[in-house]
Amino acid sequence: PIIRFETIEHIMENEKKIRRDELARNVLDC
């Protein structure tokens, strides 16, 4: 049971990066 605490800002920045990476992969695939 590993519990990790992160700032909300860090979570939002990671989500933004994941969305950018997914978009880049989709563009590359196309």
ModelCIF file with pLDDT and N, C-alpha, C, O atoms, coordinates in Angstrom:
data_MODEL
#
_entry.id   MODEL 
#
_entity.id                         1 
_entity.type                       polymer 
_entity.pdbx_number_of_molecules   1 
#
_entity_poly.entity_id                      1 
_entity_poly.type                           'polypeptide(L)' 
_entity_poly.nstd_linkage                   no 
_entity_poly.nstd_monomer                   no 
_entity_poly.pdbx_seq_one_letter_code       PIIRFETIEHIMENEKKIRRDELARNVLDC 
_entity_poly.pdbx_seq_one_letter_code_can   PIIRFETIEHIMENEKKIRRDELARNVLDC 
_entity_poly.pdbx_strand_id                 A 
#
loop_
_entity_poly_seq.entity_id 
_entity_poly_seq.num 
_entity_poly_seq.mon_id 
_entity_poly_seq.hetero 
1 1  PRO n 
1 2  ILE n 
1 3  ILE n 
1 4  ARG n 
1 5  PHE n 
1 6  GLU n 
1 7  THR n 
1 8  ILE n 
1 9  GLU n 
1 10 HIS n 
1 11 ILE n 
1 12 MET n 
1 13 GLU n 
1 14 ASN n 
1 15 GLU n 
1 16 LYS n 
1 17 LYS n 
1 18 ILE n 
1 19 ARG n 
1 20 ARG n 
1 21 ASP n 
1 22 GLU n 
1 23 LEU n 
1 24 ALA n 
1 25 ARG n 
1 26 ASN n 
1 27 VAL n 
1 28 LEU n 
1 29 ASP n 
1 30 CYS n 
#
_struct_asym.id          A 
_struct_asym.entity_id   1 
#
loop_
_ma_qa_metric.id 
_ma_qa_metric.mode 
_ma_qa_metric.name 
_ma_qa_metric.software_group_id 
_ma_qa_metric.type 
1 global pLDDT . pLDDT 
2 local  pLDDT . pLDDT 
#
_ma_qa_metric_global.metric_id      1 
_ma_qa_metric_global.metric_value   88.33 
_ma_qa_metric_global.model_id       1 
_ma_qa_metric_global.ordinal_id     1 
#
loop_
_ma_qa_metric_local.label_asym_id 
_ma_qa_metric_local.label_comp_id 
_ma_qa_metric_local.label_seq_id 
_ma_qa_metric_local.metric_id 
_ma_qa_metric_local.metric_value 
_ma_qa_metric_local.model_id 
_ma_qa_metric_local.ordinal_id 
A PRO 1  2 89.00 1 1  
A ILE 2  2 87.00 1 2  
A ILE 3  2 87.00 1 3  
A ARG 4  2 88.00 1 4  
A PHE 5  2 88.00 1 5  
A GLU 6  2 91.00 1 6  
A THR 7  2 92.00 1 7  
A ILE 8  2 91.00 1 8  
A GLU 9  2 92.00 1 9  
A HIS 10 2 93.00 1 10 
A ILE 11 2 92.00 1 11 
A MET 12 2 92.00 1 12 
A GLU 13 2 93.00 1 13 
A ASN 14 2 93.00 1 14 
A GLU 15 2 92.00 1 15 
A LYS 16 2 91.00 1 16 
A LYS 17 2 92.00 1 17 
A ILE 18 2 92.00 1 18 
A ARG 19 2 89.00 1 19 
A ARG 20 2 89.00 1 20 
A ASP 21 2 88.00 1 21 
A GLU 22 2 88.00 1 22 
A LEU 23 2 85.00 1 23 
A ALA 24 2 84.00 1 24 
A ARG 25 2 85.00 1 25 
A ASN 26 2 85.00 1 26 
A VAL 27 2 81.00 1 27 
A LEU 28 2 80.00 1 28 
A ASP 29 2 81.00 1 29 
A CYS 30 2 80.00 1 30 
#
loop_
_atom_site.group_PDB 
_atom_site.id 
_atom_site.type_symbol 
_atom_site.label_atom_id 
_atom_site.label_alt_id 
_atom_site.label_comp_id 
_atom_site.label_asym_id 
_atom_site.label_entity_id 
_atom_site.label_seq_id 
_atom_site.pdbx_PDB_ins_code 
_atom_site.Cartn_x 
_atom_site.Cartn_y 
_atom_site.Cartn_z 
_atom_site.occupancy 
_atom_site.B_iso_or_equiv 
_atom_site.pdbx_formal_charge 
_atom_site.auth_seq_id 
_atom_site.auth_comp_id 
_atom_site.auth_asym_id 
_atom_site.auth_atom_id 
_atom_site.pdbx_PDB_model_num 
ATOM 1   N N  . PRO A 1 1  ? 0.831  -1.214 0.000   1.00 89.00 ? 1  PRO A N  1 
ATOM 2   C CA . PRO A 1 1  ? 0.000  0.000  0.000   1.00 89.00 ? 1  PRO A CA 1 
ATOM 3   C C  . PRO A 1 1  ? 0.864  1.262  0.000   1.00 89.00 ? 1  PRO A C  1 
ATOM 4   O O  . PRO A 1 1  ? 1.122  1.848  1.052   1.00 89.00 ? 1  PRO A O  1 
ATOM 5   N N  . ILE A 1 2  ? 1.300  1.666  -1.167  1.00 87.00 ? 2  ILE A N  1 
ATOM 6   C CA . ILE A 1 2  ? 2.152  2.848  -1.283  1.00 87.00 ? 2  ILE A CA 1 
ATOM 7   C C  . ILE A 1 2  ? 1.264  4.062  -1.537  1.00 87.00 ? 2  ILE A C  1 
ATOM 8   O O  . ILE A 1 2  ? 0.502  4.095  -2.503  1.00 87.00 ? 2  ILE A O  1 
ATOM 9   N N  . ILE A 1 3  ? 1.371  5.047  -0.671  1.00 87.00 ? 3  ILE A N  1 
ATOM 10  C CA . ILE A 1 3  ? 0.575  6.267  -0.794  1.00 87.00 ? 3  ILE A CA 1 
ATOM 11  C C  . ILE A 1 3  ? 1.528  7.405  -1.129  1.00 87.00 ? 3  ILE A C  1 
ATOM 12  O O  . ILE A 1 3  ? 2.559  7.577  -0.478  1.00 87.00 ? 3  ILE A O  1 
ATOM 13  N N  . ARG A 1 4  ? 1.179  8.175  -2.141  1.00 88.00 ? 4  ARG A N  1 
ATOM 14  C CA . ARG A 1 4  ? 2.020  9.269  -2.598  1.00 88.00 ? 4  ARG A CA 1 
ATOM 15  C C  . ARG A 1 4  ? 1.164  10.530 -2.639  1.00 88.00 ? 4  ARG A C  1 
ATOM 16  O O  . ARG A 1 4  ? 0.013  10.487 -3.073  1.00 88.00 ? 4  ARG A O  1 
ATOM 17  N N  . PHE A 1 5  ? 1.710  11.631 -2.197  1.00 88.00 ? 5  PHE A N  1 
ATOM 18  C CA . PHE A 1 5  ? 0.990  12.896 -2.205  1.00 88.00 ? 5  PHE A CA 1 
ATOM 19  C C  . PHE A 1 5  ? 1.637  13.829 -3.222  1.00 88.00 ? 5  PHE A C  1 
ATOM 20  O O  . PHE A 1 5  ? 2.853  14.019 -3.221  1.00 88.00 ? 5  PHE A O  1 
ATOM 21  N N  . GLU A 1 6  ? 0.802  14.411 -4.095  1.00 91.00 ? 6  GLU A N  1 
ATOM 22  C CA . GLU A 1 6  ? 1.278  15.318 -5.119  1.00 91.00 ? 6  GLU A CA 1 
ATOM 23  C C  . GLU A 1 6  ? 0.425  16.574 -5.106  1.00 91.00 ? 6  GLU A C  1 
ATOM 24  O O  . GLU A 1 6  ? -0.723 16.549 -4.664  1.00 91.00 ? 6  GLU A O  1 
ATOM 25  N N  . THR A 1 7  ? 0.986  17.668 -5.589  1.00 92.00 ? 7  THR A N  1 
ATOM 26  C CA . THR A 1 7  ? 0.198  18.894 -5.674  1.00 92.00 ? 7  THR A CA 1 
ATOM 27  C C  . THR A 1 7  ? -0.813 18.769 -6.807  1.00 92.00 ? 7  THR A C  1 
ATOM 28  O O  . THR A 1 7  ? -0.595 18.026 -7.764  1.00 92.00 ? 7  THR A O  1 
ATOM 29  N N  . ILE A 1 8  ? -1.906 19.491 -6.694  1.00 91.00 ? 8  ILE A N  1 
ATOM 30  C CA . ILE A 1 8  ? -2.924 19.496 -7.748  1.00 91.00 ? 8  ILE A CA 1 
ATOM 31  C C  . ILE A 1 8  ? -2.297 20.021 -9.041  1.00 91.00 ? 8  ILE A C  1 
ATOM 32  O O  . ILE A 1 8  ? -2.579 19.514 -10.127 1.00 91.00 ? 8  ILE A O  1 
ATOM 33  N N  . GLU A 1 9  ? -1.455 21.032 -8.914  1.00 92.00 ? 9  GLU A N  1 
ATOM 34  C CA . GLU A 1 9  ? -0.803 21.604 -10.085 1.00 92.00 ? 9  GLU A CA 1 
ATOM 35  C C  . GLU A 1 9  ? 0.051  20.565 -10.804 1.00 92.00 ? 9  GLU A C  1 
ATOM 36  O O  . GLU A 1 9  ? 0.066  20.523 -12.034 1.00 92.00 ? 9  GLU A O  1 
ATOM 37  N N  . HIS A 1 10 ? 0.761  19.729 -10.054 1.00 93.00 ? 10 HIS A N  1 
ATOM 38  C CA . HIS A 1 10 ? 1.592  18.674 -10.643 1.00 93.00 ? 10 HIS A CA 1 
ATOM 39  C C  . HIS A 1 10 ? 0.719  17.661 -11.398 1.00 93.00 ? 10 HIS A C  1 
ATOM 40  O O  . HIS A 1 10 ? 1.069  17.234 -12.498 1.00 93.00 ? 10 HIS A O  1 
ATOM 41  N N  . ILE A 1 11 ? -0.393 17.289 -10.812 1.00 92.00 ? 11 ILE A N  1 
ATOM 42  C CA . ILE A 1 11 ? -1.309 16.343 -11.468 1.00 92.00 ? 11 ILE A CA 1 
ATOM 43  C C  . ILE A 1 11 ? -1.841 16.932 -12.764 1.00 92.00 ? 11 ILE A C  1 
ATOM 44  O O  . ILE A 1 11 ? -1.870 16.255 -13.793 1.00 92.00 ? 11 ILE A O  1 
ATOM 45  N N  . MET A 1 12 ? -2.263 18.194 -12.717 1.00 92.00 ? 12 MET A N  1 
ATOM 46  C CA . MET A 1 12 ? -2.811 18.834 -13.919 1.00 92.00 ? 12 MET A CA 1 
ATOM 47  C C  . MET A 1 12 ? -1.745 18.956 -15.007 1.00 92.00 ? 12 MET A C  1 
ATOM 48  O O  . MET A 1 12 ? -2.046 18.753 -16.184 1.00 92.00 ? 12 MET A O  1 
ATOM 49  N N  . GLU A 1 13 ? -0.517 19.280 -14.639 1.00 93.00 ? 13 GLU A N  1 
ATOM 50  C CA . GLU A 1 13 ? 0.573  19.395 -15.613 1.00 93.00 ? 13 GLU A CA 1 
ATOM 51  C C  . GLU A 1 13 ? 0.861  18.033 -16.246 1.00 93.00 ? 13 GLU A C  1 
ATOM 52  O O  . GLU A 1 13 ? 1.094  17.953 -17.452 1.00 93.00 ? 13 GLU A O  1 
ATOM 53  N N  . ASN A 1 14 ? 0.849  16.963 -15.448 1.00 93.00 ? 14 ASN A N  1 
ATOM 54  C CA . ASN A 1 14 ? 1.056  15.617 -15.996 1.00 93.00 ? 14 ASN A CA 1 
ATOM 55  C C  . ASN A 1 14 ? -0.062 15.231 -16.952 1.00 93.00 ? 14 ASN A C  1 
ATOM 56  O O  . ASN A 1 14 ? 0.192  14.641 -18.002 1.00 93.00 ? 14 ASN A O  1 
ATOM 57  N N  . GLU A 1 15 ? -1.303 15.561 -16.593 1.00 92.00 ? 15 GLU A N  1 
ATOM 58  C CA . GLU A 1 15 ? -2.431 15.259 -17.481 1.00 92.00 ? 15 GLU A CA 1 
ATOM 59  C C  . GLU A 1 15 ? -2.305 16.016 -18.800 1.00 92.00 ? 15 GLU A C  1 
ATOM 60  O O  . GLU A 1 15 ? -2.607 15.476 -19.864 1.00 92.00 ? 15 GLU A O  1 
ATOM 61  N N  . LYS A 1 16 ? -1.857 17.274 -18.723 1.00 91.00 ? 16 LYS A N  1 
ATOM 62  C CA . LYS A 1 16 ? -1.670 18.083 -19.923 1.00 91.00 ? 16 LYS A CA 1 
ATOM 63  C C  . LYS A 1 16 ? -0.593 17.452 -20.811 1.00 91.00 ? 16 LYS A C  1 
ATOM 64  O O  . LYS A 1 16 ? -0.753 17.390 -22.030 1.00 91.00 ? 16 LYS A O  1 
ATOM 65  N N  . LYS A 1 17 ? 0.496  16.988 -20.206 1.00 92.00 ? 17 LYS A N  1 
ATOM 66  C CA . LYS A 1 17 ? 1.583  16.358 -20.959 1.00 92.00 ? 17 LYS A CA 1 
ATOM 67  C C  . LYS A 1 17 ? 1.105  15.067 -21.615 1.00 92.00 ? 17 LYS A C  1 
ATOM 68  O O  . LYS A 1 17 ? 1.452  14.786 -22.762 1.00 92.00 ? 17 LYS A O  1 
ATOM 69  N N  . ILE A 1 18 ? 0.311  14.283 -20.891 1.00 92.00 ? 18 ILE A N  1 
ATOM 70  C CA . ILE A 1 18 ? -0.218 13.036 -21.453 1.00 92.00 ? 18 ILE A CA 1 
ATOM 71  C C  . ILE A 1 18 ? -1.106 13.337 -22.657 1.00 92.00 ? 18 ILE A C  1 
ATOM 72  O O  . ILE A 1 18 ? -1.023 12.649 -23.675 1.00 92.00 ? 18 ILE A O  1 
ATOM 73  N N  . ARG A 1 19 ? -1.957 14.361 -22.550 1.00 89.00 ? 19 ARG A N  1 
ATOM 74  C CA . ARG A 1 19 ? -2.822 14.729 -23.672 1.00 89.00 ? 19 ARG A CA 1 
ATOM 75  C C  . ARG A 1 19 ? -1.997 15.187 -24.880 1.00 89.00 ? 19 ARG A C  1 
ATOM 76  O O  . ARG A 1 19 ? -2.320 14.841 -26.016 1.00 89.00 ? 19 ARG A O  1 
ATOM 77  N N  . ARG A 1 20 ? -0.923 15.969 -24.635 1.00 89.00 ? 20 ARG A N  1 
ATOM 78  C CA . ARG A 1 20 ? -0.054 16.411 -25.731 1.00 89.00 ? 20 ARG A CA 1 
ATOM 79  C C  . ARG A 1 20 ? 0.623  15.216 -26.395 1.00 89.00 ? 20 ARG A C  1 
ATOM 80  O O  . ARG A 1 20 ? 0.703  15.147 -27.621 1.00 89.00 ? 20 ARG A O  1 
ATOM 81  N N  . ASP A 1 21 ? 1.111  14.271 -25.584 1.00 88.00 ? 21 ASP A N  1 
ATOM 82  C CA . ASP A 1 21 ? 1.775  13.081 -26.121 1.00 88.00 ? 21 ASP A CA 1 
ATOM 83  C C  . ASP A 1 21 ? 0.811  12.243 -26.954 1.00 88.00 ? 21 ASP A C  1 
ATOM 84  O O  . ASP A 1 21 ? 1.181  11.736 -28.012 1.00 88.00 ? 21 ASP A O  1 
ATOM 85  N N  . GLU A 1 22 ? -0.426 12.097 -26.477 1.00 88.00 ? 22 GLU A N  1 
ATOM 86  C CA . GLU A 1 22 ? -1.430 11.324 -27.223 1.00 88.00 ? 22 GLU A CA 1 
ATOM 87  C C  . GLU A 1 22 ? -1.758 12.015 -28.537 1.00 88.00 ? 22 GLU A C  1 
ATOM 88  O O  . GLU A 1 22 ? -1.906 11.355 -29.566 1.00 88.00 ? 22 GLU A O  1 
ATOM 89  N N  . LEU A 1 23 ? -1.872 13.335 -28.512 1.00 85.00 ? 23 LEU A N  1 
ATOM 90  C CA . LEU A 1 23 ? -2.158 14.086 -29.730 1.00 85.00 ? 23 LEU A CA 1 
ATOM 91  C C  . LEU A 1 23 ? -1.009 13.923 -30.727 1.00 85.00 ? 23 LEU A C  1 
ATOM 92  O O  . LEU A 1 23 ? -1.244 13.714 -31.918 1.00 85.00 ? 23 LEU A O  1 
ATOM 93  N N  . ALA A 1 24 ? 0.222  14.017 -30.245 1.00 84.00 ? 24 ALA A N  1 
ATOM 94  C CA . ALA A 1 24 ? 1.388  13.857 -31.122 1.00 84.00 ? 24 ALA A CA 1 
ATOM 95  C C  . ALA A 1 24 ? 1.412  12.466 -31.750 1.00 84.00 ? 24 ALA A C  1 
ATOM 96  O O  . ALA A 1 24 ? 1.730  12.323 -32.930 1.00 84.00 ? 24 ALA A O  1 
ATOM 97  N N  . ARG A 1 25 ? 1.074  11.429 -30.955 1.00 85.00 ? 25 ARG A N  1 
ATOM 98  C CA . ARG A 1 25 ? 1.034  10.060 -31.507 1.00 85.00 ? 25 ARG A CA 1 
ATOM 99  C C  . ARG A 1 25 ? -0.041 9.940  -32.582 1.00 85.00 ? 25 ARG A C  1 
ATOM 100 O O  . ARG A 1 25 ? 0.176  9.300  -33.610 1.00 85.00 ? 25 ARG A O  1 
ATOM 101 N N  . ASN A 1 26 ? -1.200 10.553 -32.347 1.00 85.00 ? 26 ASN A N  1 
ATOM 102 C CA . ASN A 1 26 ? -2.284 10.498 -33.326 1.00 85.00 ? 26 ASN A CA 1 
ATOM 103 C C  . ASN A 1 26 ? -1.893 11.197 -34.623 1.00 85.00 ? 26 ASN A C  1 
ATOM 104 O O  . ASN A 1 26 ? -2.179 10.700 -35.712 1.00 85.00 ? 26 ASN A O  1 
ATOM 105 N N  . VAL A 1 27 ? -1.240 12.349 -34.506 1.00 81.00 ? 27 VAL A N  1 
ATOM 106 C CA . VAL A 1 27 ? -0.785 13.076 -35.696 1.00 81.00 ? 27 VAL A CA 1 
ATOM 107 C C  . VAL A 1 27 ? 0.234  12.240 -36.448 1.00 81.00 ? 27 VAL A C  1 
ATOM 108 O O  . VAL A 1 27 ? 0.173  12.151 -37.674 1.00 81.00 ? 27 VAL A O  1 
ATOM 109 N N  . LEU A 1 28 ? 1.164  11.630 -35.742 1.00 80.00 ? 28 LEU A N  1 
ATOM 110 C CA . LEU A 1 28 ? 2.178  10.783 -36.371 1.00 80.00 ? 28 LEU A CA 1 
ATOM 111 C C  . LEU A 1 28 ? 1.532  9.599  -37.079 1.00 80.00 ? 28 LEU A C  1 
ATOM 112 O O  . LEU A 1 28 ? 1.899  9.267  -38.206 1.00 80.00 ? 28 LEU A O  1 
ATOM 113 N N  . ASP A 1 29 ? 0.557  8.956  -36.407 1.00 81.00 ? 29 ASP A N  1 
ATOM 114 C CA . ASP A 1 29 ? -0.141 7.824  -37.022 1.00 81.00 ? 29 ASP A CA 1 
ATOM 115 C C  . ASP A 1 29 ? -0.846 8.251  -38.309 1.00 81.00 ? 29 ASP A C  1 
ATOM 116 O O  . ASP A 1 29 ? -0.814 7.534  -39.308 1.00 81.00 ? 29 ASP A O  1 
ATOM 117 N N  . CYS A 1 30 ? -1.477 9.414  -38.279 1.00 80.00 ? 30 CYS A N  1 
ATOM 118 C CA . CYS A 1 30 ? -2.184 9.906  -39.463 1.00 80.00 ? 30 CYS A CA 1 
ATOM 119 C C  . CYS A 1 30 ? -1.210 10.225 -40.589 1.00 80.00 ? 30 CYS A C  1 
ATOM 120 O O  . CYS A 1 30 ? -1.628 10.651 -41.665 1.00 80.00 ? 30 CYS A O  1 
#
